[in-house]
Amino acid sequence: MSDKSLVQFGSDLDREAVLKQCKGTMQAVIDERSFNLKVTRARTQFQLTRNTSLRKAQGMLKQAAGQTATVNINWMTEGTRMRSVEVNGEMCFTQEIDATTAVFVGTYRHLSI
């Protein structure tokens, strides 16, 4: 038995219903042995690379802005095809939704990943 298993569903609605029902860690009993099961959404390598870029930018901005700054990732900027990282409400890093790379803007445009 491997430590990961993939399950594919026939429709997005079925997948979302199961993910909602199984959110978090569950306890399972198989052949009288107890296991902790964690159900999560699978990510493609592209998605992982894209998300890593945002998380790296978040870390760099936290360092550059200081301890008192609020640094947030916007996984989807409403009304656009952009994702961003903000420092105290100011957009400082932008990424197109279908890109793995992105740019620092404004006060932090001198930074790069």
C-alpha atoms as a PDB file:
ATOM      1  CA  MET A   1       0.000   0.000   0.000  1.00  0.00           C
ATOM      2  CA  SER A   2       1.499   3.356  -0.992  1.00  0.00           C
ATOM      3  CA  ASP A   3       1.286   6.501   1.094  1.00  0.00           C
ATOM      4  CA  LYS A   4      -0.734   8.302  -1.617  1.00  0.00           C
ATOM      5  CA  SER A   5      -3.666   7.365  -3.777  1.00  0.00           C
ATOM      6  CA  LEU A   6      -5.417   9.289  -6.533  1.00  0.00           C
ATOM      7  CA  VAL A   7      -9.130   9.149  -7.156  1.00  0.00           C
ATOM      8  CA  GLN A   8     -10.697  10.595 -10.291  1.00  0.00           C
ATOM      9  CA  PHE A   9     -14.370  11.543 -10.408  1.00  0.00           C
ATOM     10  CA  GLY A  10     -16.737  11.636 -13.352  1.00  0.00           C
ATOM     11  CA  SER A  11     -17.709  15.252 -12.783  1.00  0.00           C
ATOM     12  CA  ASP A  12     -16.540  18.395 -11.022  1.00  0.00           C
ATOM     13  CA  LEU A  13     -19.714  18.384  -8.929  1.00  0.00           C
ATOM     14  CA  ASP A  14     -19.009  14.874  -7.617  1.00  0.00           C
ATOM     15  CA  ARG A  15     -15.387  15.786  -6.814  1.00  0.00           C
ATOM     16  CA  GLU A  16     -16.392  18.946  -4.944  1.00  0.00           C
ATOM     17  CA  ALA A  17     -19.090  17.103  -2.979  1.00  0.00           C
ATOM     18  CA  VAL A  18     -16.595  14.450  -1.838  1.00  0.00           C
ATOM     19  CA  LEU A  19     -13.912  17.036  -0.979  1.00  0.00           C
ATOM     20  CA  LYS A  20     -16.429  19.017   1.057  1.00  0.00           C
ATOM     21  CA  GLN A  21     -17.602  15.885   2.892  1.00  0.00           C
ATOM     22  CA  CYS A  22     -14.045  14.664   3.589  1.00  0.00           C
ATOM     23  CA  LYS A  23     -12.448  17.998   4.468  1.00  0.00           C
ATOM     24  CA  GLY A  24      -9.642  17.654   6.994  1.00  0.00           C
ATOM     25  CA  THR A  25      -8.142  14.501   8.480  1.00  0.00           C
ATOM     26  CA  MET A  26     -10.275  11.405   8.975  1.00  0.00           C
ATOM     27  CA  GLN A  27      -9.795   8.189  10.882  1.00  0.00           C
ATOM     28  CA  ALA A  28     -10.104   4.931   8.921  1.00  0.00           C
ATOM     29  CA  VAL A  29     -10.015   1.317  10.029  1.00  0.00           C
ATOM     30  CA  ILE A  30      -8.731  -1.248   7.527  1.00  0.00           C
ATOM     31  CA  ASP A  31      -8.168  -4.865   8.551  1.00  0.00           C
ATOM     32  CA  GLU A  32      -8.420  -3.897  12.223  1.00  0.00           C
ATOM     33  CA  ARG A  33      -5.611  -1.326  11.825  1.00  0.00           C
ATOM     34  CA  SER A  34      -6.273   2.372  12.356  1.00  0.00           C
ATOM     35  CA  PHE A  35      -5.066   5.028   9.886  1.00  0.00           C
ATOM     36  CA  ASN A  36      -5.285   8.783   9.605  1.00  0.00           C
ATOM     37  CA  LEU A  37      -6.463   9.788   6.143  1.00  0.00           C
ATOM     38  CA  LYS A  38      -6.006  13.236   4.686  1.00  0.00           C
ATOM     39  CA  VAL A  39      -8.098  14.091   1.637  1.00  0.00           C
ATOM     40  CA  THR A  40      -6.784  16.939  -0.509  1.00  0.00           C
ATOM     41  CA  ARG A  41      -7.072  18.234  -4.044  1.00  0.00           C
ATOM     42  CA  ALA A  42      -4.296  17.045  -6.377  1.00  0.00           C
ATOM     43  CA  ARG A  43      -2.065  19.677  -7.972  1.00  0.00           C
ATOM     44  CA  THR A  44      -0.245  19.509 -11.283  1.00  0.00           C
ATOM     45  CA  GLN A  45       3.452  20.386 -11.455  1.00  0.00           C
ATOM     46  CA  PHE A  46       2.469  23.619 -13.194  1.00  0.00           C
ATOM     47  CA  GLN A  47       0.151  24.573 -10.320  1.00  0.00           C
ATOM     48  CA  LEU A  48       2.804  23.730  -7.737  1.00  0.00           C
ATOM     49  CA  THR A  49       5.418  25.853  -9.534  1.00  0.00           C
ATOM     50  CA  ARG A  50       2.980  28.728  -9.915  1.00  0.00           C
ATOM     51  CA  ASN A  51       1.984  28.620  -6.227  1.00  0.00           C
ATOM     52  CA  THR A  52       5.610  28.335  -5.105  1.00  0.00           C
ATOM     53  CA  SER A  53       6.375  31.584  -6.919  1.00  0.00           C
ATOM     54  CA  LEU A  54       3.683  33.402  -4.907  1.00  0.00           C
ATOM     55  CA  ARG A  55       4.851  31.888  -1.617  1.00  0.00           C
ATOM     56  CA  LYS A  56       8.489  32.846  -2.319  1.00  0.00           C
ATOM     57  CA  ALA A  57       7.398  36.408  -3.108  1.00  0.00           C
ATOM     58  CA  GLN A  58       5.392  36.487   0.123  1.00  0.00           C
ATOM     59  CA  GLY A  59       8.471  35.440   2.113  1.00  0.00           C
ATOM     60  CA  MET A  60      10.716  37.985   0.388  1.00  0.00           C
ATOM     61  CA  LEU A  61       8.194  40.761   0.955  1.00  0.00           C
ATOM     62  CA  LYS A  62       7.833  39.861   4.635  1.00  0.00           C
ATOM     63  CA  GLN A  63      11.589  40.222   5.009  1.00  0.00           C
ATOM     64  CA  ALA A  64      11.778  43.467   3.029  1.00  0.00           C
ATOM     65  CA  ALA A  65       8.750  45.102   4.658  1.00  0.00           C
ATOM     66  CA  GLY A  66       9.582  44.232   8.252  1.00  0.00           C
ATOM     67  CA  GLN A  67       7.841  42.458  11.113  1.00  0.00           C
ATOM     68  CA  THR A  68       4.952  44.894  11.478  1.00  0.00           C
ATOM     69  CA  ALA A  69       3.826  44.700   7.829  1.00  0.00           C
ATOM     70  CA  THR A  70       0.808  42.663   6.773  1.00  0.00           C
ATOM     71  CA  VAL A  71       1.658  40.524   3.742  1.00  0.00           C
ATOM     72  CA  ASN A  72      -1.171  38.611   2.022  1.00  0.00           C
ATOM     73  CA  ILE A  73      -1.461  36.409  -1.044  1.00  0.00           C
ATOM     74  CA  ASN A  74      -4.483  37.071  -3.262  1.00  0.00           C
ATOM     75  CA  TRP A  75      -4.954  33.768  -5.057  1.00  0.00           C
ATOM     76  CA  MET A  76      -7.307  35.516  -7.497  1.00  0.00           C
ATOM     77  CA  THR A  77      -7.664  39.271  -7.878  1.00  0.00           C
ATOM     78  CA  GLU A  78     -11.355  39.900  -8.474  1.00  0.00           C
ATOM     79  CA  GLY A  79     -12.284  40.952 -11.985  1.00  0.00           C
ATOM     80  CA  THR A  80      -8.866  40.090 -13.449  1.00  0.00           C
ATOM     81  CA  ARG A  81      -6.796  37.112 -14.505  1.00  0.00           C
ATOM     82  CA  MET A  82      -4.129  38.091 -11.967  1.00  0.00           C
ATOM     83  CA  ARG A  83      -2.858  36.715  -8.695  1.00  0.00           C
ATOM     84  CA  SER A  84      -0.887  38.984  -6.385  1.00  0.00           C
ATOM     85  CA  VAL A  85       0.880  39.554  -3.106  1.00  0.00           C
ATOM     86  CA  GLU A  86       0.060  42.701  -1.136  1.00  0.00           C
ATOM     87  CA  VAL A  87       1.957  44.518   1.597  1.00  0.00           C
ATOM     88  CA  ASN A  88      -0.338  46.574   3.832  1.00  0.00           C
ATOM     89  CA  GLY A  89      -2.956  46.594   1.067  1.00  0.00           C
ATOM     90  CA  GLU A  90      -0.526  47.720  -1.679  1.00  0.00           C
ATOM     91  CA  MET A  91      -0.065  45.323  -4.619  1.00  0.00           C
ATOM     92  CA  CYS A  92       3.656  44.504  -4.741  1.00  0.00           C
ATOM     93  CA  PHE A  93       3.873  41.275  -6.784  1.00  0.00           C
ATOM     94  CA  THR A  94       1.677  40.244  -9.708  1.00  0.00           C
ATOM     95  CA  GLN A  95       1.306  37.011 -11.632  1.00  0.00           C
ATOM     96  CA  GLU A  96      -0.885  36.179 -14.610  1.00  0.00           C
ATOM     97  CA  ILE A  97      -3.156  33.229 -13.794  1.00  0.00           C
ATOM     98  CA  ASP A  98      -1.572  31.046 -16.502  1.00  0.00           C
ATOM     99  CA  ALA A  99       2.085  31.973 -15.804  1.00  0.00           C
ATOM    100  CA  THR A 100       4.681  30.459 -13.491  1.00  0.00           C
ATOM    101  CA  THR A 101       6.754  33.631 -13.318  1.00  0.00           C
ATOM    102  CA  ALA A 102       5.752  37.076 -12.103  1.00  0.00           C
ATOM    103  CA  VAL A 103       7.121  40.514 -11.294  1.00  0.00           C
ATOM    104  CA  PHE A 104       7.521  42.748  -8.285  1.00  0.00           C
ATOM    105  CA  VAL A 105       5.932  46.155  -8.781  1.00  0.00           C
ATOM    106  CA  GLY A 106       5.783  49.522  -7.055  1.00  0.00           C
ATOM    107  CA  THR A 107       7.976  50.032  -4.009  1.00  0.00           C
ATOM    108  CA  TYR A 108       9.438  46.529  -4.283  1.00  0.00           C
ATOM    109  CA  ARG A 109      10.157  46.415  -8.055  1.00  0.00           C
ATOM    110  CA  HIS A 110      13.896  46.100  -7.289  1.00  0.00           C
ATOM    111  CA  LEU A 111      13.316  42.556  -5.939  1.00  0.00           C
ATOM    112  CA  SER A 112      13.382  39.414  -8.075  1.00  0.00           C
ATOM    113  CA  ILE A 113      12.871  35.708  -7.531  1.00  0.00           C
END
